[in-house]
All heavy atoms as atom14 arrays in JSON, in Angstrom:
{
  "sequence": "FRQAPGKEREGVSCIGASKGDINYADSVKGRFTISRDNTKKMVY",
  "atom14_mask": [
    [1, 1, 1, 1, 1, 1, 1, 1, 1, 1, 1, 0, 0, 0],
    [1, 1, 1, 1, 1, 1, 1, 1, 1, 1, 1, 0, 0, 0],
    [1, 1, 1, 1, 1, 1, 1, 1, 1, 0, 0, 0, 0, 0],
    [1, 1, 1, 1, 1, 0, 0, 0, 0, 0, 0, 0, 0, 0],
    [1, 1, 1, 1, 1, 1, 1, 0, 0, 0, 0, 0, 0, 0],
    [1, 1, 1, 1, 0, 0, 0, 0, 0, 0, 0, 0, 0, 0],
    [1, 1, 1, 1, 1, 1, 1, 1, 1, 0, 0, 0, 0, 0],
    [1, 1, 1, 1, 1, 1, 1, 1, 1, 0, 0, 0, 0, 0],
    [1, 1, 1, 1, 1, 1, 1, 1, 1, 1, 1, 0, 0, 0],
    [1, 1, 1, 1, 1, 1, 1, 1, 1, 0, 0, 0, 0, 0],
    [1, 1, 1, 1, 0, 0, 0, 0, 0, 0, 0, 0, 0, 0],
    [1, 1, 1, 1, 1, 1, 1, 0, 0, 0, 0, 0, 0, 0],
    [1, 1, 1, 1, 1, 1, 0, 0, 0, 0, 0, 0, 0, 0],
    [1, 1, 1, 1, 1, 1, 0, 0, 0, 0, 0, 0, 0, 0],
    [1, 1, 1, 1, 1, 1, 1, 1, 0, 0, 0, 0, 0, 0],
    [1, 1, 1, 1, 0, 0, 0, 0, 0, 0, 0, 0, 0, 0],
    [1, 1, 1, 1, 1, 0, 0, 0, 0, 0, 0, 0, 0, 0],
    [1, 1, 1, 1, 1, 1, 0, 0, 0, 0, 0, 0, 0, 0],
    [1, 1, 1, 1, 1, 1, 1, 1, 1, 0, 0, 0, 0, 0],
    [1, 1, 1, 1, 0, 0, 0, 0, 0, 0, 0, 0, 0, 0],
    [1, 1, 1, 1, 1, 1, 1, 1, 0, 0, 0, 0, 0, 0],
    [1, 1, 1, 1, 1, 1, 1, 1, 0, 0, 0, 0, 0, 0],
    [1, 1, 1, 1, 1, 1, 1, 1, 0, 0, 0, 0, 0, 0],
    [1, 1, 1, 1, 1, 1, 1, 1, 1, 1, 1, 1, 0, 0],
    [1, 1, 1, 1, 1, 0, 0, 0, 0, 0, 0, 0, 0, 0],
    [1, 1, 1, 1, 1, 1, 1, 1, 0, 0, 0, 0, 0, 0],
    [1, 1, 1, 1, 1, 1, 0, 0, 0, 0, 0, 0, 0, 0],
    [1, 1, 1, 1, 1, 1, 1, 0, 0, 0, 0, 0, 0, 0],
    [1, 1, 1, 1, 1, 1, 1, 1, 1, 0, 0, 0, 0, 0],
    [1, 1, 1, 1, 0, 0, 0, 0, 0, 0, 0, 0, 0, 0],
    [1, 1, 1, 1, 1, 1, 1, 1, 1, 1, 1, 0, 0, 0],
    [1, 1, 1, 1, 1, 1, 1, 1, 1, 1, 1, 0, 0, 0],
    [1, 1, 1, 1, 1, 1, 1, 0, 0, 0, 0, 0, 0, 0],
    [1, 1, 1, 1, 1, 1, 1, 1, 0, 0, 0, 0, 0, 0],
    [1, 1, 1, 1, 1, 1, 0, 0, 0, 0, 0, 0, 0, 0],
    [1, 1, 1, 1, 1, 1, 1, 1, 1, 1, 1, 0, 0, 0],
    [1, 1, 1, 1, 1, 1, 1, 1, 0, 0, 0, 0, 0, 0],
    [1, 1, 1, 1, 1, 1, 1, 1, 0, 0, 0, 0, 0, 0],
    [1, 1, 1, 1, 1, 1, 1, 0, 0, 0, 0, 0, 0, 0],
    [1, 1, 1, 1, 1, 1, 1, 1, 1, 0, 0, 0, 0, 0],
    [1, 1, 1, 1, 1, 1, 1, 1, 1, 0, 0, 0, 0, 0],
    [1, 1, 1, 1, 1, 1, 1, 1, 0, 0, 0, 0, 0, 0],
    [1, 1, 1, 1, 1, 1, 1, 0, 0, 0, 0, 0, 0, 0],
    [1, 1, 1, 1, 1, 1, 1, 1, 1, 1, 1, 1, 0, 0]
  ],
  "atom14_positions": [
    [[236.22, 20.64, -54.08], [235.71, 19.3, -53.88], [235.64, 19.11, -52.35], [236.19, 19.73, -51.54], [236.63, 18.31, -54.54], [236.78, 18.5, -55.99], [237.63, 19.62, -56.5], [236.23, 17.77, -56.91], [237.81, 19.72, -57.85], [236.21, 17.87, -58.14], [237.06, 18.85, -58.71], [0.0, 0.0, 0.0], [0.0, 0.0, 0.0], [0.0, 0.0, 0.0]],
    [[234.9, 18.05, -52.06], [234.83, 17.65, -50.53], [234.78, 16.18, -50.46], [234.29, 15.39, -51.35], [233.59, 18.36, -49.83], [232.3, 17.83, -50.42], [231.17, 18.68, -49.88], [229.8, 18.19, -50.39], [228.68, 18.91, -50.12], [228.69, 19.86, -49.34], [227.49, 18.4, -50.46], [0.0, 0.0, 0.0], [0.0, 0.0, 0.0], [0.0, 0.0, 0.0]],
    [[235.17, 15.66, -49.32], [235.15, 14.23, -49.05], [234.76, 14.01, -47.49], [235.31, 14.48, -46.64], [236.48, 13.58, -49.4], [236.54, 12.11, -49.28], [237.66, 11.37, -49.9], [238.73, 12.08, -49.91], [237.57, 10.24, -50.33], [0.0, 0.0, 0.0], [0.0, 0.0, 0.0], [0.0, 0.0, 0.0], [0.0, 0.0, 0.0], [0.0, 0.0, 0.0]],
    [[233.75, 13.27, -47.34], [233.28, 12.94, -46.06], [233.79, 11.49, -45.71], [234.12, 10.73, -46.62], [231.77, 12.79, -45.95], [0.0, 0.0, 0.0], [0.0, 0.0, 0.0], [0.0, 0.0, 0.0], [0.0, 0.0, 0.0], [0.0, 0.0, 0.0], [0.0, 0.0, 0.0], [0.0, 0.0, 0.0], [0.0, 0.0, 0.0], [0.0, 0.0, 0.0]],
    [[234.0, 11.15, -44.38], [234.4, 9.82, -44.05], [233.54, 8.76, -44.61], [232.37, 8.77, -44.61], [234.34, 9.88, -42.51], [234.41, 11.34, -42.07], [233.66, 12.08, -43.24], [0.0, 0.0, 0.0], [0.0, 0.0, 0.0], [0.0, 0.0, 0.0], [0.0, 0.0, 0.0], [0.0, 0.0, 0.0], [0.0, 0.0, 0.0], [0.0, 0.0, 0.0]],
    [[234.29, 7.84, -45.26], [233.57, 6.66, -45.82], [232.93, 6.96, -47.18], [232.27, 6.01, -47.81], [0.0, 0.0, 0.0], [0.0, 0.0, 0.0], [0.0, 0.0, 0.0], [0.0, 0.0, 0.0], [0.0, 0.0, 0.0], [0.0, 0.0, 0.0], [0.0, 0.0, 0.0], [0.0, 0.0, 0.0], [0.0, 0.0, 0.0], [0.0, 0.0, 0.0]],
    [[233.13, 8.19, -47.66], [232.53, 8.54, -48.98], [233.59, 8.97, -50.08], [234.66, 9.36, -49.64], [231.47, 9.59, -48.86], [230.23, 9.26, -47.92], [229.22, 10.24, -47.93], [228.01, 9.86, -47.19], [227.0, 11.05, -47.11], [0.0, 0.0, 0.0], [0.0, 0.0, 0.0], [0.0, 0.0, 0.0], [0.0, 0.0, 0.0], [0.0, 0.0, 0.0]],
    [[233.25, 8.88, -51.27], [234.16, 9.34, -52.4], [234.09, 10.82, -52.4], [233.13, 11.47, -52.02], [233.76, 8.7, -53.68], [233.95, 7.26, -53.79], [233.8, 6.57, -55.15], [233.25, 7.42, -55.97], [233.97, 5.43, -55.39], [0.0, 0.0, 0.0], [0.0, 0.0, 0.0], [0.0, 0.0, 0.0], [0.0, 0.0, 0.0], [0.0, 0.0, 0.0]],
    [[235.25, 11.36, -52.82], [235.35, 12.78, -53.14], [234.24, 13.2, -54.16], [234.1, 12.48, -55.24], [236.69, 13.16, -53.56], [237.04, 14.59, -53.63], [238.39, 14.77, -53.89], [238.92, 14.29, -55.17], [240.17, 13.99, -55.35], [241.11, 14.06, -54.48], [240.42, 13.48, -56.67], [0.0, 0.0, 0.0], [0.0, 0.0, 0.0], [0.0, 0.0, 0.0]],
    [[233.61, 14.36, -53.98], [232.72, 14.87, -54.84], [232.99, 16.26, -55.2], [233.43, 17.1, -54.34], [231.31, 14.76, -54.19], [230.97, 15.63, -52.97], [229.57, 15.35, -52.49], [228.74, 15.1, -53.39], [229.29, 15.73, -51.29], [0.0, 0.0, 0.0], [0.0, 0.0, 0.0], [0.0, 0.0, 0.0], [0.0, 0.0, 0.0], [0.0, 0.0, 0.0]],
    [[232.65, 16.72, -56.38], [232.74, 18.05, -56.71], [231.63, 18.95, -55.99], [230.52, 18.54, -56.0], [0.0, 0.0, 0.0], [0.0, 0.0, 0.0], [0.0, 0.0, 0.0], [0.0, 0.0, 0.0], [0.0, 0.0, 0.0], [0.0, 0.0, 0.0], [0.0, 0.0, 0.0], [0.0, 0.0, 0.0], [0.0, 0.0, 0.0], [0.0, 0.0, 0.0]],
    [[232.1, 20.08, -55.64], [231.14, 21.17, -55.1], [230.93, 22.31, -56.01], [229.79, 22.6, -56.14], [231.72, 21.62, -53.79], [230.95, 22.81, -53.11], [231.99, 20.51, -52.75], [0.0, 0.0, 0.0], [0.0, 0.0, 0.0], [0.0, 0.0, 0.0], [0.0, 0.0, 0.0], [0.0, 0.0, 0.0], [0.0, 0.0, 0.0], [0.0, 0.0, 0.0]],
    [[232.05, 22.9, -56.55], [231.9, 24.03, -57.39], [233.11, 24.2, -58.27], [234.27, 23.69, -57.82], [231.61, 25.22, -56.62], [231.37, 26.5, -57.43], [0.0, 0.0, 0.0], [0.0, 0.0, 0.0], [0.0, 0.0, 0.0], [0.0, 0.0, 0.0], [0.0, 0.0, 0.0], [0.0, 0.0, 0.0], [0.0, 0.0, 0.0], [0.0, 0.0, 0.0]],
    [[233.02, 24.89, -59.32], [234.15, 25.17, -60.2], [234.0, 26.57, -60.76], [232.9, 26.97, -61.2], [234.29, 24.11, -61.36], [235.67, 24.4, -62.38], [0.0, 0.0, 0.0], [0.0, 0.0, 0.0], [0.0, 0.0, 0.0], [0.0, 0.0, 0.0], [0.0, 0.0, 0.0], [0.0, 0.0, 0.0], [0.0, 0.0, 0.0], [0.0, 0.0, 0.0]],
    [[235.05, 27.33, -60.9], [235.08, 28.61, -61.46], [236.27, 28.72, -62.56], [237.44, 28.33, -62.09], [235.18, 29.83, -60.42], [235.09, 31.14, -61.24], [236.51, 29.7, -59.55], [234.88, 32.33, -60.17], [0.0, 0.0, 0.0], [0.0, 0.0, 0.0], [0.0, 0.0, 0.0], [0.0, 0.0, 0.0], [0.0, 0.0, 0.0], [0.0, 0.0, 0.0]],
    [[235.96, 28.99, -63.67], [237.09, 29.02, -64.78], [237.6, 30.35, -64.92], [237.26, 31.3, -64.29], [0.0, 0.0, 0.0], [0.0, 0.0, 0.0], [0.0, 0.0, 0.0], [0.0, 0.0, 0.0], [0.0, 0.0, 0.0], [0.0, 0.0, 0.0], [0.0, 0.0, 0.0], [0.0, 0.0, 0.0], [0.0, 0.0, 0.0], [0.0, 0.0, 0.0]],
    [[238.49, 30.32, -65.91], [239.12, 31.65, -66.23], [238.28, 32.54, -67.09], [238.46, 33.72, -67.08], [240.35, 31.47, -67.07], [0.0, 0.0, 0.0], [0.0, 0.0, 0.0], [0.0, 0.0, 0.0], [0.0, 0.0, 0.0], [0.0, 0.0, 0.0], [0.0, 0.0, 0.0], [0.0, 0.0, 0.0], [0.0, 0.0, 0.0], [0.0, 0.0, 0.0]],
    [[237.39, 32.09, -67.87], [236.34, 32.88, -68.55], [235.22, 33.36, -67.8], [234.7, 32.59, -66.87], [235.87, 31.98, -69.82], [236.91, 31.48, -70.63], [0.0, 0.0, 0.0], [0.0, 0.0, 0.0], [0.0, 0.0, 0.0], [0.0, 0.0, 0.0], [0.0, 0.0, 0.0], [0.0, 0.0, 0.0], [0.0, 0.0, 0.0], [0.0, 0.0, 0.0]],
    [[234.78, 34.5, -68.08], [233.61, 35.05, -67.34], [232.36, 34.3, -67.53], [232.03, 33.77, -68.71], [233.33, 36.47, -67.94], [232.53, 37.36, -66.97], [232.39, 38.8, -67.5], [231.61, 39.66, -66.53], [232.37, 39.85, -65.25], [0.0, 0.0, 0.0], [0.0, 0.0, 0.0], [0.0, 0.0, 0.0], [0.0, 0.0, 0.0], [0.0, 0.0, 0.0]],
    [[231.77, 33.8, -66.5], [230.5, 32.98, -66.52], [230.71, 31.64, -66.52], [229.78, 30.86, -66.44], [0.0, 0.0, 0.0], [0.0, 0.0, 0.0], [0.0, 0.0, 0.0], [0.0, 0.0, 0.0], [0.0, 0.0, 0.0], [0.0, 0.0, 0.0], [0.0, 0.0, 0.0], [0.0, 0.0, 0.0], [0.0, 0.0, 0.0], [0.0, 0.0, 0.0]],
    [[231.98, 31.17, -66.48], [232.33, 29.71, -66.39], [232.31, 29.36, -64.96], [233.37, 29.23, -64.31], [233.63, 29.58, -67.12], [234.0, 27.98, -67.15], [233.09, 27.19, -67.1], [235.21, 27.81, -67.48], [0.0, 0.0, 0.0], [0.0, 0.0, 0.0], [0.0, 0.0, 0.0], [0.0, 0.0, 0.0], [0.0, 0.0, 0.0], [0.0, 0.0, 0.0]],
    [[231.11, 29.08, -64.49], [230.92, 28.74, -63.06], [229.97, 27.64, -63.04], [228.95, 27.63, -63.73], [230.4, 29.97, -62.21], [231.54, 30.93, -62.17], [229.99, 29.51, -60.78], [231.07, 32.28, -61.49], [0.0, 0.0, 0.0], [0.0, 0.0, 0.0], [0.0, 0.0, 0.0], [0.0, 0.0, 0.0], [0.0, 0.0, 0.0], [0.0, 0.0, 0.0]],
    [[230.19, 26.59, -62.09], [229.35, 25.46, -62.03], [229.19, 25.06, -60.53], [230.19, 25.32, -59.72], [229.81, 24.29, -62.67], [229.72, 24.32, -64.24], [228.59, 24.07, -64.74], [230.78, 24.74, -64.88], [0.0, 0.0, 0.0], [0.0, 0.0, 0.0], [0.0, 0.0, 0.0], [0.0, 0.0, 0.0], [0.0, 0.0, 0.0], [0.0, 0.0, 0.0]],
    [[228.09, 24.58, -60.17], [227.85, 24.13, -58.77], [227.21, 22.65, -58.84], [226.41, 22.34, -59.79], [226.83, 25.03, -58.06], [227.4, 26.45, -57.9], [226.99, 27.45, -58.69], [228.28, 26.71, -56.79], [227.41, 28.71, -58.66], [228.61, 28.04, -56.6], [228.26, 29.08, -57.56], [228.69, 30.27, -57.31], [0.0, 0.0, 0.0], [0.0, 0.0, 0.0]],
    [[227.48, 21.95, -57.8], [226.79, 20.61, -57.68], [225.29, 21.07, -57.22], [224.99, 22.08, -56.57], [227.36, 19.88, -56.5], [0.0, 0.0, 0.0], [0.0, 0.0, 0.0], [0.0, 0.0, 0.0], [0.0, 0.0, 0.0], [0.0, 0.0, 0.0], [0.0, 0.0, 0.0], [0.0, 0.0, 0.0], [0.0, 0.0, 0.0], [0.0, 0.0, 0.0]],
    [[224.44, 20.16, -57.63], [222.98, 20.42, -57.38], [222.71, 20.64, -55.9], [221.88, 21.33, -55.36], [222.2, 19.26, -57.88], [222.04, 19.21, -59.39], [222.35, 20.31, -60.09], [221.63, 18.19, -59.99], [0.0, 0.0, 0.0], [0.0, 0.0, 0.0], [0.0, 0.0, 0.0], [0.0, 0.0, 0.0], [0.0, 0.0, 0.0], [0.0, 0.0, 0.0]],
    [[223.51, 19.85, -55.06], [223.24, 19.81, -53.66], [223.65, 21.18, -52.95], [223.15, 21.46, -51.9], [224.11, 18.75, -52.89], [225.5, 18.82, -53.19], [0.0, 0.0, 0.0], [0.0, 0.0, 0.0], [0.0, 0.0, 0.0], [0.0, 0.0, 0.0], [0.0, 0.0, 0.0], [0.0, 0.0, 0.0], [0.0, 0.0, 0.0], [0.0, 0.0, 0.0]],
    [[224.36, 21.96, -53.59], [224.77, 23.33, -53.05], [224.3, 24.55, -53.76], [224.4, 25.66, -53.4], [226.44, 23.5, -52.96], [226.84, 22.19, -52.08], [227.03, 23.53, -54.22], [0.0, 0.0, 0.0], [0.0, 0.0, 0.0], [0.0, 0.0, 0.0], [0.0, 0.0, 0.0], [0.0, 0.0, 0.0], [0.0, 0.0, 0.0], [0.0, 0.0, 0.0]],
    [[223.56, 24.35, -54.91], [223.13, 25.45, -55.59], [222.09, 26.37, -54.85], [221.26, 25.8, -54.17], [222.37, 24.9, -56.94], [223.31, 24.48, -58.05], [222.45, 24.02, -59.16], [223.43, 23.55, -60.35], [222.63, 23.08, -61.46], [0.0, 0.0, 0.0], [0.0, 0.0, 0.0], [0.0, 0.0, 0.0], [0.0, 0.0, 0.0], [0.0, 0.0, 0.0]],
    [[222.25, 27.61, -54.9], [221.47, 28.44, -54.04], [222.07, 28.71, -52.78], [221.67, 29.72, -52.01], [0.0, 0.0, 0.0], [0.0, 0.0, 0.0], [0.0, 0.0, 0.0], [0.0, 0.0, 0.0], [0.0, 0.0, 0.0], [0.0, 0.0, 0.0], [0.0, 0.0, 0.0], [0.0, 0.0, 0.0], [0.0, 0.0, 0.0], [0.0, 0.0, 0.0]],
    [[222.99, 27.95, -52.25], [223.53, 28.13, -50.84], [225.08, 28.57, -50.92], [225.52, 29.21, -50.16], [223.41, 26.86, -50.14], [221.96, 26.34, -49.84], [221.91, 25.21, -48.85], [222.47, 24.06, -49.41], [223.62, 23.42, -48.82], [224.06, 23.89, -47.59], [224.2, 22.39, -49.29], [0.0, 0.0, 0.0], [0.0, 0.0, 0.0], [0.0, 0.0, 0.0]],
    [[225.8, 28.03, -51.89], [227.23, 28.28, -51.98], [227.38, 29.17, -53.22], [226.9, 29.12, -54.15], [227.98, 26.94, -52.18], [227.93, 26.07, -51.07], [227.19, 26.13, -49.9], [228.81, 24.97, -51.02], [227.24, 25.35, -48.94], [228.88, 24.07, -50.0], [228.14, 24.29, -48.95], [0.0, 0.0, 0.0], [0.0, 0.0, 0.0], [0.0, 0.0, 0.0]],
    [[228.45, 30.1, -53.02], [228.87, 30.96, -54.01], [230.46, 30.95, -54.19], [231.14, 31.08, -53.14], [228.37, 32.42, -53.82], [226.95, 32.43, -53.6], [228.87, 33.26, -54.97], [0.0, 0.0, 0.0], [0.0, 0.0, 0.0], [0.0, 0.0, 0.0], [0.0, 0.0, 0.0], [0.0, 0.0, 0.0], [0.0, 0.0, 0.0], [0.0, 0.0, 0.0]],
    [[230.88, 30.7, -55.38], [232.28, 30.69, -55.65], [232.77, 32.04, -56.36], [231.91, 32.55, -57.06], [232.83, 29.44, -56.51], [234.25, 29.27, -56.64], [232.1, 29.57, -57.94], [234.68, 27.95, -57.32], [0.0, 0.0, 0.0], [0.0, 0.0, 0.0], [0.0, 0.0, 0.0], [0.0, 0.0, 0.0], [0.0, 0.0, 0.0], [0.0, 0.0, 0.0]],
    [[233.87, 32.37, -55.95], [234.43, 33.67, -56.5], [235.87, 33.63, -56.53], [236.56, 32.72, -55.92], [233.97, 34.85, -55.75], [234.37, 34.88, -54.38], [0.0, 0.0, 0.0], [0.0, 0.0, 0.0], [0.0, 0.0, 0.0], [0.0, 0.0, 0.0], [0.0, 0.0, 0.0], [0.0, 0.0, 0.0], [0.0, 0.0, 0.0], [0.0, 0.0, 0.0]],
    [[236.54, 34.62, -57.29], [238.0, 34.61, -57.32], [238.51, 36.02, -57.32], [237.86, 36.93, -57.94], [238.39, 33.75, -58.52], [238.13, 34.38, -60.0], [238.45, 33.33, -61.12], [239.67, 33.0, -61.2], [240.19, 31.94, -61.84], [239.34, 31.11, -62.37], [241.56, 31.7, -61.95], [0.0, 0.0, 0.0], [0.0, 0.0, 0.0], [0.0, 0.0, 0.0]],
    [[239.67, 36.24, -56.92], [240.43, 37.5, -56.96], [241.8, 37.04, -57.49], [242.64, 36.63, -56.83], [240.47, 38.16, -55.66], [241.1, 39.54, -55.71], [241.97, 39.8, -56.56], [240.77, 40.26, -54.85], [0.0, 0.0, 0.0], [0.0, 0.0, 0.0], [0.0, 0.0, 0.0], [0.0, 0.0, 0.0], [0.0, 0.0, 0.0], [0.0, 0.0, 0.0]],
    [[241.97, 37.29, -58.89], [243.39, 36.83, -59.47], [244.37, 37.69, -58.99], [245.52, 37.23, -58.85], [243.17, 36.94, -61.04], [242.24, 35.89, -61.63], [242.01, 34.86, -60.93], [241.83, 36.16, -62.82], [0.0, 0.0, 0.0], [0.0, 0.0, 0.0], [0.0, 0.0, 0.0], [0.0, 0.0, 0.0], [0.0, 0.0, 0.0], [0.0, 0.0, 0.0]],
    [[244.24, 38.98, -58.69], [245.25, 39.8, -58.14], [245.82, 39.3, -56.86], [246.88, 39.29, -56.68], [244.77, 41.32, -58.03], [244.29, 41.8, -59.3], [245.8, 42.17, -57.64], [0.0, 0.0, 0.0], [0.0, 0.0, 0.0], [0.0, 0.0, 0.0], [0.0, 0.0, 0.0], [0.0, 0.0, 0.0], [0.0, 0.0, 0.0], [0.0, 0.0, 0.0]],
    [[244.75, 38.87, -56.01], [245.32, 38.31, -54.64], [245.54, 36.82, -54.62], [246.06, 36.34, -53.73], [244.15, 38.54, -53.61], [243.86, 40.0, -53.28], [242.81, 40.19, -52.33], [242.52, 41.49, -51.84], [241.49, 41.7, -50.85], [0.0, 0.0, 0.0], [0.0, 0.0, 0.0], [0.0, 0.0, 0.0], [0.0, 0.0, 0.0], [0.0, 0.0, 0.0]],
    [[245.45, 36.26, -55.96], [245.6, 34.92, -56.07], [244.85, 34.09, -55.1], [245.3, 33.06, -54.41], [247.15, 34.48, -55.98], [247.94, 35.28, -57.0], [249.43, 34.93, -56.99], [249.69, 33.57, -57.68], [251.21, 33.39, -57.87], [0.0, 0.0, 0.0], [0.0, 0.0, 0.0], [0.0, 0.0, 0.0], [0.0, 0.0, 0.0], [0.0, 0.0, 0.0]],
    [[243.57, 34.44, -54.96], [242.64, 33.79, -54.03], [241.43, 33.3, -54.72], [240.88, 33.94, -55.48], [242.28, 34.81, -52.95], [243.5, 35.18, -52.0], [244.11, 33.91, -50.95], [242.75, 33.8, -49.74], [0.0, 0.0, 0.0], [0.0, 0.0, 0.0], [0.0, 0.0, 0.0], [0.0, 0.0, 0.0], [0.0, 0.0, 0.0], [0.0, 0.0, 0.0]],
    [[240.85, 32.19, -54.26], [239.52, 31.77, -54.69], [238.8, 31.5, -53.4], [239.24, 31.03, -52.39], [239.59, 30.48, -55.56], [238.21, 29.97, -55.89], [240.34, 30.82, -56.78], [0.0, 0.0, 0.0], [0.0, 0.0, 0.0], [0.0, 0.0, 0.0], [0.0, 0.0, 0.0], [0.0, 0.0, 0.0], [0.0, 0.0, 0.0], [0.0, 0.0, 0.0]],
    [[237.43, 31.83, -53.41], [236.56, 31.76, -52.2], [235.4, 30.8, -52.45], [234.94, 30.73, -53.57], [236.12, 33.16, -51.67], [237.2, 34.16, -51.61], [237.54, 35.09, -52.52], [238.0, 34.13, -50.37], [238.5, 36.02, -52.4], [239.06, 35.05, -50.28], [239.31, 35.89, -51.28], [240.32, 36.96, -51.12], [0.0, 0.0, 0.0], [0.0, 0.0, 0.0]]
  ]
}
């Protein structure tokens, strides 16, 4: 999620536990990519 000064917080992307459960805000589609590494306990 992201929040700019004077604006409400908005969702950017989400990655779920199930394969293919990925979503993006329209404003970032094609530019942002979400990924996860459960072994490292990291999301990018």
